[in-house]
Amino acid sequence: MNLRGIVATNLRHLRHAKGLSQEELADRAGINRNYIGMLEREENAATVDMLERIAIVLDADPIEFFRRRS
């Protein structure tokens, strides 16, 4: 799995763990509601700044986006 796929998988996992929809996460992060879906479908690659904003909303360490899950 490439890095974009790892980030997408981890974003989805962290979002589900918080019980948030894509729209709720985007709203809380102050970003376009379609953007989270695009990240999760690997259609877009997030900047470090954007991952930081999303991590804050998810109350997660940004490094969690890059961990390989078995």
PDB file of N, CA and C in Angstrom:
ATOM      1  N   MET A   1       0.855  -1.179   0.000  1.00  0.00           N
ATOM      2  CA  MET A   1       0.000   0.000   0.000  1.00  0.00           C
ATOM      3  C   MET A   1       0.897   1.236   0.000  1.00  0.00           C
ATOM      4  N   ASN A   2       0.553   2.207  -0.836  1.00  0.00           N
ATOM      5  CA  ASN A   2       1.332   3.436  -0.901  1.00  0.00           C
ATOM      6  C   ASN A   2       0.965   4.362   0.266  1.00  0.00           C
ATOM      7  N   LEU A   3       1.742   5.399   0.450  1.00  0.00           N
ATOM      8  CA  LEU A   3       1.547   6.304   1.581  1.00  0.00           C
ATOM      9  C   LEU A   3       0.179   6.977   1.544  1.00  0.00           C
ATOM     10  N   ARG A   4      -0.283   7.334   0.362  1.00  0.00           N
ATOM     11  CA  ARG A   4      -1.613   7.951   0.245  1.00  0.00           C
ATOM     12  C   ARG A   4      -2.696   6.984   0.735  1.00  0.00           C
ATOM     13  N   GLY A   5      -2.535   5.715   0.414  1.00  0.00           N
ATOM     14  CA  GLY A   5      -3.478   4.700   0.864  1.00  0.00           C
ATOM     15  C   GLY A   5      -3.430   4.493   2.369  1.00  0.00           C
ATOM     16  N   ILE A   6      -2.242   4.533   2.931  1.00  0.00           N
ATOM     17  CA  ILE A   6      -2.091   4.395   4.387  1.00  0.00           C
ATOM     18  C   ILE A   6      -2.784   5.551   5.095  1.00  0.00           C
ATOM     19  N   VAL A   7      -2.560   6.772   4.611  1.00  0.00           N
ATOM     20  CA  VAL A   7      -3.210   7.947   5.203  1.00  0.00           C
ATOM     21  C   VAL A   7      -4.732   7.819   5.075  1.00  0.00           C
ATOM     22  N   ALA A   8      -5.211   7.400   3.927  1.00  0.00           N
ATOM     23  CA  ALA A   8      -6.657   7.264   3.703  1.00  0.00           C
ATOM     24  C   ALA A   8      -7.269   6.254   4.663  1.00  0.00           C
ATOM     25  N   THR A   9      -6.622   5.107   4.794  1.00  0.00           N
ATOM     26  CA  THR A   9      -7.120   4.056   5.693  1.00  0.00           C
ATOM     27  C   THR A   9      -7.142   4.537   7.139  1.00  0.00           C
ATOM     28  N   ASN A  10      -6.071   5.180   7.551  1.00  0.00           N
ATOM     29  CA  ASN A  10      -5.985   5.659   8.934  1.00  0.00           C
ATOM     30  C   ASN A  10      -6.961   6.797   9.205  1.00  0.00           C
ATOM     31  N   LEU A  11      -7.156   7.669   8.254  1.00  0.00           N
ATOM     32  CA  LEU A  11      -8.131   8.753   8.412  1.00  0.00           C
ATOM     33  C   LEU A  11      -9.521   8.154   8.627  1.00  0.00           C
ATOM     34  N   ARG A  12      -9.895   7.206   7.810  1.00  0.00           N
ATOM     35  CA  ARG A  12     -11.207   6.558   7.935  1.00  0.00           C
ATOM     36  C   ARG A  12     -11.338   5.881   9.295  1.00  0.00           C
ATOM     37  N   HIS A  13     -10.298   5.158   9.704  1.00  0.00           N
ATOM     38  CA  HIS A  13     -10.306   4.464  10.994  1.00  0.00           C
ATOM     39  C   HIS A  13     -10.461   5.460  12.150  1.00  0.00           C
ATOM     40  N   LEU A  14      -9.692   6.520  12.149  1.00  0.00           N
ATOM     41  CA  LEU A  14      -9.751   7.519  13.225  1.00  0.00           C
ATOM     42  C   LEU A  14     -11.099   8.235  13.241  1.00  0.00           C
ATOM     43  N   ARG A  15     -11.630   8.522  12.072  1.00  0.00           N
ATOM     44  CA  ARG A  15     -12.930   9.199  11.984  1.00  0.00           C
ATOM     45  C   ARG A  15     -14.033   8.303  12.531  1.00  0.00           C
ATOM     46  N   HIS A  16     -14.021   7.044  12.138  1.00  0.00           N
ATOM     47  CA  HIS A  16     -15.029   6.100  12.644  1.00  0.00           C
ATOM     48  C   HIS A  16     -14.902   5.920  14.153  1.00  0.00           C
ATOM     49  N   ALA A  17     -13.677   5.885  14.654  1.00  0.00           N
ATOM     50  CA  ALA A  17     -13.452   5.720  16.098  1.00  0.00           C
ATOM     51  C   ALA A  17     -14.063   6.871  16.892  1.00  0.00           C
ATOM     52  N   LYS A  18     -14.133   8.051  16.293  1.00  0.00           N
ATOM     53  CA  LYS A  18     -14.746   9.214  16.942  1.00  0.00           C
ATOM     54  C   LYS A  18     -16.239   9.321  16.645  1.00  0.00           C
ATOM     55  N   GLY A  19     -16.739   8.429  15.803  1.00  0.00           N
ATOM     56  CA  GLY A  19     -18.164   8.437  15.484  1.00  0.00           C
ATOM     57  C   GLY A  19     -18.593   9.627  14.647  1.00  0.00           C
ATOM     58  N   LEU A  20     -17.696  10.119  13.802  1.00  0.00           N
ATOM     59  CA  LEU A  20     -17.994  11.284  12.973  1.00  0.00           C
ATOM     60  C   LEU A  20     -18.241  10.885  11.522  1.00  0.00           C
ATOM     61  N   SER A  21     -19.177  11.562  10.892  1.00  0.00           N
ATOM     62  CA  SER A  21     -19.358  11.401   9.448  1.00  0.00           C
ATOM     63  C   SER A  21     -18.286  12.247   8.759  1.00  0.00           C
ATOM     64  N   GLN A  22     -18.130  12.028   7.473  1.00  0.00           N
ATOM     65  CA  GLN A  22     -17.193  12.854   6.710  1.00  0.00           C
ATOM     66  C   GLN A  22     -17.602  14.315   6.791  1.00  0.00           C
ATOM     67  N   GLU A  23     -18.888  14.566   6.692  1.00  0.00           N
ATOM     68  CA  GLU A  23     -19.390  15.937   6.736  1.00  0.00           C
ATOM     69  C   GLU A  23     -19.139  16.591   8.087  1.00  0.00           C
ATOM     70  N   GLU A  24     -19.370  15.854   9.172  1.00  0.00           N
ATOM     71  CA  GLU A  24     -19.138  16.410  10.514  1.00  0.00           C
ATOM     72  C   GLU A  24     -17.664  16.737  10.725  1.00  0.00           C
ATOM     73  N   LEU A  25     -16.796  15.840  10.299  1.00  0.00           N
ATOM     74  CA  LEU A  25     -15.361  16.082  10.435  1.00  0.00           C
ATOM     75  C   LEU A  25     -14.939  17.310   9.647  1.00  0.00           C
ATOM     76  N   ALA A  26     -15.387  17.393   8.411  1.00  0.00           N
ATOM     77  CA  ALA A  26     -15.036  18.537   7.572  1.00  0.00           C
ATOM     78  C   ALA A  26     -15.538  19.841   8.179  1.00  0.00           C
ATOM     79  N   ASP A  27     -16.761  19.832   8.678  1.00  0.00           N
ATOM     80  CA  ASP A  27     -17.336  21.031   9.281  1.00  0.00           C
ATOM     81  C   ASP A  27     -16.516  21.480  10.484  1.00  0.00           C
ATOM     82  N   ARG A  28     -16.161  20.542  11.343  1.00  0.00           N
ATOM     83  CA  ARG A  28     -15.382  20.880  12.544  1.00  0.00           C
ATOM     84  C   ARG A  28     -13.973  21.357  12.205  1.00  0.00           C
ATOM     85  N   ALA A  29     -13.426  20.854  11.090  1.00  0.00           N
ATOM     86  CA  ALA A  29     -12.088  21.254  10.668  1.00  0.00           C
ATOM     87  C   ALA A  29     -12.108  22.511   9.810  1.00  0.00           C
ATOM     88  N   GLY A  30     -13.312  22.967   9.435  1.00  0.00           N
ATOM     89  CA  GLY A  30     -13.432  24.172   8.619  1.00  0.00           C
ATOM     90  C   GLY A  30     -12.990  23.982   7.185  1.00  0.00           C
ATOM     91  N   ILE A  31     -13.270  22.791   6.655  1.00  0.00           N
ATOM     92  CA  ILE A  31     -12.890  22.515   5.272  1.00  0.00           C
ATOM     93  C   ILE A  31     -14.109  22.033   4.488  1.00  0.00           C
ATOM     94  N   ASN A  32     -13.969  21.976   3.170  1.00  0.00           N
ATOM     95  CA  ASN A  32     -15.052  21.540   2.302  1.00  0.00           C
ATOM     96  C   ASN A  32     -15.452  20.111   2.636  1.00  0.00           C
ATOM     97  N   ARG A  33     -16.751  19.856   2.707  1.00  0.00           N
ATOM     98  CA  ARG A  33     -17.235  18.539   3.129  1.00  0.00           C
ATOM     99  C   ARG A  33     -16.845  17.427   2.165  1.00  0.00           C
ATOM    100  N   ASN A  34     -16.606  17.744   0.909  1.00  0.00           N
ATOM    101  CA  ASN A  34     -16.199  16.723  -0.064  1.00  0.00           C
ATOM    102  C   ASN A  34     -14.733  16.321   0.088  1.00  0.00           C
ATOM    103  N   TYR A  35     -13.954  17.175   0.719  1.00  0.00           N
ATOM    104  CA  TYR A  35     -12.509  16.966   0.812  1.00  0.00           C
ATOM    105  C   TYR A  35     -12.158  15.696   1.592  1.00  0.00           C
ATOM    106  N   ILE A  36     -12.846  15.438   2.705  1.00  0.00           N
ATOM    107  CA  ILE A  36     -12.566  14.249   3.506  1.00  0.00           C
ATOM    108  C   ILE A  36     -12.813  12.993   2.672  1.00  0.00           C
ATOM    109  N   GLY A  37     -13.904  12.960   1.942  1.00  0.00           N
ATOM    110  CA  GLY A  37     -14.190  11.822   1.067  1.00  0.00           C
ATOM    111  C   GLY A  37     -13.121  11.636   0.009  1.00  0.00           C
ATOM    112  N   MET A  38     -12.648  12.724  -0.546  1.00  0.00           N
ATOM    113  CA  MET A  38     -11.601  12.647  -1.556  1.00  0.00           C
ATOM    114  C   MET A  38     -10.311  12.080  -0.959  1.00  0.00           C
ATOM    115  N   LEU A  39     -10.004  12.462   0.278  1.00  0.00           N
ATOM    116  CA  LEU A  39      -8.819  11.915   0.936  1.00  0.00           C
ATOM    117  C   LEU A  39      -8.993  10.428   1.189  1.00  0.00           C
ATOM    118  N   GLU A  40     -10.165  10.038   1.686  1.00  0.00           N
ATOM    119  CA  GLU A  40     -10.417   8.642   2.001  1.00  0.00           C
ATOM    120  C   GLU A  40     -10.474   7.756   0.754  1.00  0.00           C
ATOM    121  N   ARG A  41     -10.814   8.319  -0.383  1.00  0.00           N
ATOM    122  CA  ARG A  41     -10.843   7.560  -1.642  1.00  0.00           C
ATOM    123  C   ARG A  41      -9.518   7.661  -2.395  1.00  0.00           C
ATOM    124  N   GLU A  42      -8.548   8.320  -1.772  1.00  0.00           N
ATOM    125  CA  GLU A  42      -7.210   8.497  -2.341  1.00  0.00           C
ATOM    126  C   GLU A  42      -7.216   9.335  -3.614  1.00  0.00           C
ATOM    127  N   GLU A  43      -8.206  10.201  -3.767  1.00  0.00           N
ATOM    128  CA  GLU A  43      -8.285  11.077  -4.934  1.00  0.00           C
ATOM    129  C   GLU A  43      -7.461  12.345  -4.734  1.00  0.00           C
ATOM    130  N   ASN A  44      -7.100  12.618  -3.505  1.00  0.00           N
ATOM    131  CA  ASN A  44      -6.363  13.827  -3.164  1.00  0.00           C
ATOM    132  C   ASN A  44      -5.343  13.472  -2.100  1.00  0.00           C
ATOM    133  N   ALA A  45      -4.259  14.230  -2.049  1.00  0.00           N
ATOM    134  CA  ALA A  45      -3.242  14.058  -1.012  1.00  0.00           C
ATOM    135  C   ALA A  45      -3.254  15.314  -0.138  1.00  0.00           C
ATOM    136  N   ALA A  46      -3.410  15.101   1.150  1.00  0.00           N
ATOM    137  CA  ALA A  46      -3.496  16.231   2.081  1.00  0.00           C
ATOM    138  C   ALA A  46      -2.118  16.817   2.358  1.00  0.00           C
ATOM    139  N   THR A  47      -2.095  18.109   2.600  1.00  0.00           N
ATOM    140  CA  THR A  47      -0.863  18.753   3.038  1.00  0.00           C
ATOM    141  C   THR A  47      -0.651  18.447   4.518  1.00  0.00           C
ATOM    142  N   VAL A  48       0.551  18.677   4.986  1.00  0.00           N
ATOM    143  CA  VAL A  48       0.852  18.490   6.404  1.00  0.00           C
ATOM    144  C   VAL A  48      -0.024  19.412   7.243  1.00  0.00           C
ATOM    145  N   ASP A  49      -0.225  20.627   6.787  1.00  0.00           N
ATOM    146  CA  ASP A  49      -1.072  21.577   7.516  1.00  0.00           C
ATOM    147  C   ASP A  49      -2.506  21.071   7.622  1.00  0.00           C
ATOM    148  N   MET A  50      -3.014  20.485   6.556  1.00  0.00           N
ATOM    149  CA  MET A  50      -4.382  19.977   6.571  1.00  0.00           C
ATOM    150  C   MET A  50      -4.496  18.755   7.485  1.00  0.00           C
ATOM    151  N   LEU A  51      -3.492  17.873   7.449  1.00  0.00           N
ATOM    152  CA  LEU A  51      -3.512  16.731   8.346  1.00  0.00           C
ATOM    153  C   LEU A  51      -3.484  17.178   9.806  1.00  0.00           C
ATOM    154  N   GLU A  52      -2.763  18.239  10.080  1.00  0.00           N
ATOM    155  CA  GLU A  52      -2.723  18.768  11.436  1.00  0.00           C
ATOM    156  C   GLU A  52      -4.100  19.266  11.870  1.00  0.00           C
ATOM    157  N   ARG A  53      -4.786  19.986  10.998  1.00  0.00           N
ATOM    158  CA  ARG A  53      -6.139  20.480  11.309  1.00  0.00           C
ATOM    159  C   ARG A  53      -7.092  19.329  11.576  1.00  0.00           C
ATOM    160  N   ILE A  54      -7.021  18.295  10.755  1.00  0.00           N
ATOM    161  CA  ILE A  54      -7.897  17.139  10.912  1.00  0.00           C
ATOM    162  C   ILE A  54      -7.553  16.396  12.205  1.00  0.00           C
ATOM    163  N   ALA A  55      -6.262  16.244  12.489  1.00  0.00           N
ATOM    164  CA  ALA A  55      -5.834  15.553  13.708  1.00  0.00           C
ATOM    165  C   ALA A  55      -6.333  16.257  14.958  1.00  0.00           C
ATOM    166  N   ILE A  56      -6.337  17.570  14.943  1.00  0.00           N
ATOM    167  CA  ILE A  56      -6.828  18.335  16.093  1.00  0.00           C
ATOM    168  C   ILE A  56      -8.289  17.996  16.350  1.00  0.00           C
ATOM    169  N   VAL A  57      -9.089  17.972  15.303  1.00  0.00           N
ATOM    170  CA  VAL A  57     -10.512  17.649  15.449  1.00  0.00           C
ATOM    171  C   VAL A  57     -10.686  16.218  15.954  1.00  0.00           C
ATOM    172  N   LEU A  58      -9.857  15.309  15.473  1.00  0.00           N
ATOM    173  CA  LEU A  58      -9.951  13.901  15.865  1.00  0.00           C
ATOM    174  C   LEU A  58      -9.270  13.623  17.201  1.00  0.00           C
ATOM    175  N   ASP A  59      -8.634  14.644  17.768  1.00  0.00           N
ATOM    176  CA  ASP A  59      -7.896  14.493  19.027  1.00  0.00           C
ATOM    177  C   ASP A  59      -6.876  13.359  18.904  1.00  0.00           C
ATOM    178  N   ALA A  60      -6.127  13.396  17.800  1.00  0.00           N
ATOM    179  CA  ALA A  60      -5.152  12.354  17.494  1.00  0.00           C
ATOM    180  C   ALA A  60      -3.791  12.985  17.221  1.00  0.00           C
ATOM    181  N   ASP A  61      -2.744  12.238  17.466  1.00  0.00           N
ATOM    182  CA  ASP A  61      -1.403  12.651  17.092  1.00  0.00           C
ATOM    183  C   ASP A  61      -1.305  12.514  15.571  1.00  0.00           C
ATOM    184  N   PRO A  62      -0.849  13.536  14.859  1.00  0.00           N
ATOM    185  CA  PRO A  62      -0.776  13.451  13.393  1.00  0.00           C
ATOM    186  C   PRO A  62       0.022  12.250  12.879  1.00  0.00           C
ATOM    187  N   ILE A  63       0.941  11.738  13.675  1.00  0.00           N
ATOM    188  CA  ILE A  63       1.717  10.578  13.236  1.00  0.00           C
ATOM    189  C   ILE A  63       0.825   9.365  13.006  1.00  0.00           C
ATOM    190  N   GLU A  64      -0.349   9.341  13.625  1.00  0.00           N
ATOM    191  CA  GLU A  64      -1.281   8.223  13.463  1.00  0.00           C
ATOM    192  C   GLU A  64      -1.751   8.052  12.022  1.00  0.00           C
ATOM    193  N   PHE A  65      -1.680   9.120  11.227  1.00  0.00           N
ATOM    194  CA  PHE A  65      -2.069   9.015   9.821  1.00  0.00           C
ATOM    195  C   PHE A  65      -1.092   8.155   9.024  1.00  0.00           C
ATOM    196  N   PHE A  66       0.120   7.986   9.540  1.00  0.00           N
ATOM    197  CA  PHE A  66       1.175   7.309   8.783  1.00  0.00           C
ATOM    198  C   PHE A  66       1.519   5.912   9.287  1.00  0.00           C
ATOM    199  N   ARG A  67       0.822   5.428  10.303  1.00  0.00           N
ATOM    200  CA  ARG A  67       1.097   4.092  10.852  1.00  0.00           C
ATOM    201  C   ARG A  67       0.514   3.001   9.945  1.00  0.00           C
ATOM    202  N   ARG A  68       1.314   1.990   9.717  1.00  0.00           N
ATOM    203  CA  ARG A  68       0.815   0.830   8.951  1.00  0.00           C
ATOM    204  C   ARG A  68      -0.032  -0.033   9.882  1.00  0.00           C
ATOM    205  N   ARG A  69      -1.202  -0.402   9.433  1.00  0.00           N
ATOM    206  CA  ARG A  69      -2.097  -1.265  10.221  1.00  0.00           C
ATOM    207  C   ARG A  69      -2.013  -2.676   9.656  1.00  0.00           C
ATOM    208  N   SER A  70      -1.990  -3.645  10.542  1.00  0.00           N
ATOM    209  CA  SER A  70      -1.909  -5.030  10.068  1.00  0.00           C
ATOM    210  C   SER A  70      -3.263  -5.644   9.851  1.00  0.00           C
TER     211      SER A  70
END
